[in-house]
Structure formats: C-alpha cells, structure tokens
Amino acid sequence: TDKDPSVLEVAVRNAEENGVAAQIRTAQVDWTLQETWPDPLPPCDVIIGADVLFNAVCHEGLVRFCDKLLPDAGRALICDPRDRVLRPVFRDACVKEGFEF
C-alpha cells in the first residue's frame, strides 16, 4: 500500500520483472484514514513493509491496518534503518496493540 500511485506502479513492475505479480496485491491506502482501506480487506498472511517509519503520524494507523488485515497467526515484517529515530515510537504503538516486536 501507499498513498502515492506512482509507488504502486513501481511495485507492480518490480513484481512482474521478478515473476511474482500473481502473488501480490497493491492498493492506494492512507493508513491514518480507515475510509481509504479496501472493503472488504483481502485475506493476507504476511505484510512486508520497508522504509515506512519516517513519519510518526502514520505509525498508529499502520499498526491498526496490520491488525485488521492479518489473521491471528499472521506476520508483519517491517524493515527500516536501525538508526531511524522514530523506531521506538513504532515499537510503542506495536506493544500498545499487543503485537510482538
């Protein structure tokens, strides 16, 4: 997901070039605005995110989105630079929601 449609175009192109396009889904979503979330939410076992912790305003929305999208046994794999100043804010949002970190 991303708010920027051009990012989604790149993600689709990347998946096509790597032969996995049939196994991914993209959607233009603002995690902070539930009205932009797909309805119904598609089934999902794994969410992979990279470089998504740069804006603390989005952290709680991202955690809520993952919570709604994933089944109890689902996993969200969030990769971000170790030195990102906002990582503790995201960790706190995860812990508050009951996620493992």
C-alpha atoms as a PDB file:
ATOM      1  CA  THR A   1       0.000   0.000   0.000  1.00  0.00           C
ATOM      2  CA  ASP A   2       0.981   3.594  -0.464  1.00  0.00           C
ATOM      3  CA  LYS A   3      -0.752   6.949  -0.808  1.00  0.00           C
ATOM      4  CA  ASP A   4       1.284   7.676  -3.947  1.00  0.00           C
ATOM      5  CA  PRO A   5       0.050   5.787  -7.044  1.00  0.00           C
ATOM      6  CA  SER A   6       3.459   6.066  -8.738  1.00  0.00           C
ATOM      7  CA  VAL A   7       4.990   3.990  -5.913  1.00  0.00           C
ATOM      8  CA  LEU A   8       2.398   1.289  -6.559  1.00  0.00           C
ATOM      9  CA  GLU A   9       3.225   1.282 -10.287  1.00  0.00           C
ATOM     10  CA  VAL A  10       6.888   0.660  -9.467  1.00  0.00           C
ATOM     11  CA  ALA A  11       5.954  -2.142  -7.043  1.00  0.00           C
ATOM     12  CA  VAL A  12       3.824  -3.877  -9.693  1.00  0.00           C
ATOM     13  CA  ARG A  13       6.554  -3.523 -12.314  1.00  0.00           C
ATOM     14  CA  ASN A  14       9.103  -4.941  -9.891  1.00  0.00           C
ATOM     15  CA  ALA A  15       6.845  -7.919  -9.113  1.00  0.00           C
ATOM     16  CA  GLU A  16       6.295  -8.537 -12.832  1.00  0.00           C
ATOM     17  CA  GLU A  17      10.034  -8.450 -13.544  1.00  0.00           C
ATOM     18  CA  ASN A  18      10.592 -10.962 -10.735  1.00  0.00           C
ATOM     19  CA  GLY A  19       7.795 -13.310 -11.801  1.00  0.00           C
ATOM     20  CA  VAL A  20       5.660 -12.860  -8.674  1.00  0.00           C
ATOM     21  CA  ALA A  21       2.986 -10.432  -9.883  1.00  0.00           C
ATOM     22  CA  ALA A  22       0.224 -13.017  -9.447  1.00  0.00           C
ATOM     23  CA  GLN A  23       1.145 -13.385  -5.769  1.00  0.00           C
ATOM     24  CA  ILE A  24       0.950  -9.744  -4.659  1.00  0.00           C
ATOM     25  CA  ARG A  25      -1.734  -7.101  -4.307  1.00  0.00           C
ATOM     26  CA  THR A  26      -1.323  -3.357  -4.187  1.00  0.00           C
ATOM     27  CA  ALA A  27      -3.749  -0.684  -3.041  1.00  0.00           C
ATOM     28  CA  GLN A  28      -3.686   3.081  -2.686  1.00  0.00           C
ATOM     29  CA  VAL A  29      -4.234   3.499   1.048  1.00  0.00           C
ATOM     30  CA  ASP A  30      -3.663   6.132   3.710  1.00  0.00           C
ATOM     31  CA  TRP A  31      -3.151   4.113   6.888  1.00  0.00           C
ATOM     32  CA  THR A  32      -4.402   7.008   9.002  1.00  0.00           C
ATOM     33  CA  LEU A  33      -7.763   7.157   7.166  1.00  0.00           C
ATOM     34  CA  GLN A  34      -9.787   3.973   7.540  1.00  0.00           C
ATOM     35  CA  GLU A  35     -12.153   5.123   4.785  1.00  0.00           C
ATOM     36  CA  THR A  36      -9.294   4.597   2.281  1.00  0.00           C
ATOM     37  CA  TRP A  37      -8.794   0.963   3.330  1.00  0.00           C
ATOM     38  CA  PRO A  38     -10.071  -1.710   0.917  1.00  0.00           C
ATOM     39  CA  ASP A  39     -13.511  -3.011   1.861  1.00  0.00           C
ATOM     40  CA  PRO A  40     -13.564  -5.857   2.385  1.00  0.00           C
ATOM     41  CA  LEU A  41      -9.950  -6.245   3.381  1.00  0.00           C
ATOM     42  CA  PRO A  42      -8.305  -9.031   1.377  1.00  0.00           C
ATOM     43  CA  PRO A  43      -7.089 -12.140   3.182  1.00  0.00           C
ATOM     44  CA  CYS A  44      -3.420 -11.834   3.977  1.00  0.00           C
ATOM     45  CA  ASP A  45      -0.929 -13.974   5.902  1.00  0.00           C
ATOM     46  CA  VAL A  46       2.109 -11.717   5.571  1.00  0.00           C
ATOM     47  CA  ILE A  47       2.620  -7.971   5.225  1.00  0.00           C
ATOM     48  CA  ILE A  48       6.047  -6.760   4.153  1.00  0.00           C
ATOM     49  CA  GLY A  49       6.960  -3.117   4.622  1.00  0.00           C
ATOM     50  CA  ALA A  50      10.222  -1.297   4.040  1.00  0.00           C
ATOM     51  CA  ASP A  51      11.223   2.254   4.848  1.00  0.00           C
ATOM     52  CA  VAL A  52       7.775   3.087   6.259  1.00  0.00           C
ATOM     53  CA  LEU A  53       8.645   4.530   9.679  1.00  0.00           C
ATOM     54  CA  PHE A  54       9.743   8.001   8.584  1.00  0.00           C
ATOM     55  CA  ASN A  55       6.504   9.703   9.714  1.00  0.00           C
ATOM     56  CA  ALA A  56       5.364   9.163  13.313  1.00  0.00           C
ATOM     57  CA  VAL A  57       1.863  10.376  12.427  1.00  0.00           C
ATOM     58  CA  CYS A  58       1.354   7.164  10.427  1.00  0.00           C
ATOM     59  CA  HIS A  59       2.619   4.641  12.988  1.00  0.00           C
ATOM     60  CA  GLU A  60      -0.612   4.020  14.899  1.00  0.00           C
ATOM     61  CA  GLY A  61      -2.551   3.850  11.626  1.00  0.00           C
ATOM     62  CA  LEU A  62      -0.088   1.331  10.193  1.00  0.00           C
ATOM     63  CA  VAL A  63      -0.372  -0.830  13.305  1.00  0.00           C
ATOM     64  CA  ARG A  64      -4.205  -0.681  13.197  1.00  0.00           C
ATOM     65  CA  PHE A  65      -4.168  -1.525   9.468  1.00  0.00           C
ATOM     66  CA  CYS A  66      -1.926  -4.546  10.064  1.00  0.00           C
ATOM     67  CA  ASP A  67      -4.111  -5.654  12.971  1.00  0.00           C
ATOM     68  CA  LYS A  68      -7.259  -5.550  10.832  1.00  0.00           C
ATOM     69  CA  LEU A  69      -5.637  -7.167   7.785  1.00  0.00           C
ATOM     70  CA  LEU A  70      -3.760 -10.029   9.413  1.00  0.00           C
ATOM     71  CA  PRO A  71      -5.268 -13.151  10.960  1.00  0.00           C
ATOM     72  CA  ASP A  72      -4.152 -14.090  14.476  1.00  0.00           C
ATOM     73  CA  ALA A  73      -1.239 -16.151  13.121  1.00  0.00           C
ATOM     74  CA  GLY A  74      -0.264 -13.516  10.508  1.00  0.00           C
ATOM     75  CA  ARG A  75       3.018 -11.655  10.420  1.00  0.00           C
ATOM     76  CA  ALA A  76       4.010  -8.120   9.529  1.00  0.00           C
ATOM     77  CA  LEU A  77       7.673  -7.815   8.593  1.00  0.00           C
ATOM     78  CA  ILE A  78       8.677  -4.170   8.810  1.00  0.00           C
ATOM     79  CA  CYS A  79      12.223  -3.328   7.708  1.00  0.00           C
ATOM     80  CA  ASP A  80      13.663   0.060   8.434  1.00  0.00           C
ATOM     81  CA  PRO A  81      17.101   1.574   9.080  1.00  0.00           C
ATOM     82  CA  ARG A  82      18.410   0.793  12.573  1.00  0.00           C
ATOM     83  CA  ASP A  83      19.239   4.414  13.217  1.00  0.00           C
ATOM     84  CA  ARG A  84      15.716   5.652  12.427  1.00  0.00           C
ATOM     85  CA  VAL A  85      14.876   7.981  15.311  1.00  0.00           C
ATOM     86  CA  LEU A  86      11.190   7.029  15.168  1.00  0.00           C
ATOM     87  CA  ARG A  87      11.637   3.261  15.595  1.00  0.00           C
ATOM     88  CA  PRO A  88      10.837   3.451  19.347  1.00  0.00           C
ATOM     89  CA  VAL A  89       7.576   5.283  18.574  1.00  0.00           C
ATOM     90  CA  PHE A  90       6.566   2.465  16.222  1.00  0.00           C
ATOM     91  CA  ARG A  91       7.630  -0.182  18.746  1.00  0.00           C
ATOM     92  CA  ASP A  92       5.460   1.506  21.399  1.00  0.00           C
ATOM     93  CA  ALA A  93       2.468   1.517  19.020  1.00  0.00           C
ATOM     94  CA  CYS A  94       3.015  -2.207  18.345  1.00  0.00           C
ATOM     95  CA  VAL A  95       3.266  -3.064  22.037  1.00  0.00           C
ATOM     96  CA  LYS A  96       0.153  -0.987  22.798  1.00  0.00           C
ATOM     97  CA  GLU A  97      -1.781  -3.031  20.205  1.00  0.00           C
ATOM     98  CA  GLY A  98      -0.455  -6.306  21.627  1.00  0.00           C
ATOM     99  CA  PHE A  99       1.934  -7.116  18.788  1.00  0.00           C
ATOM    100  CA  GLU A 100       5.237  -8.887  19.268  1.00  0.00           C
ATOM    101  CA  PHE A 101       8.187  -6.708  18.421  1.00  0.00           C
END
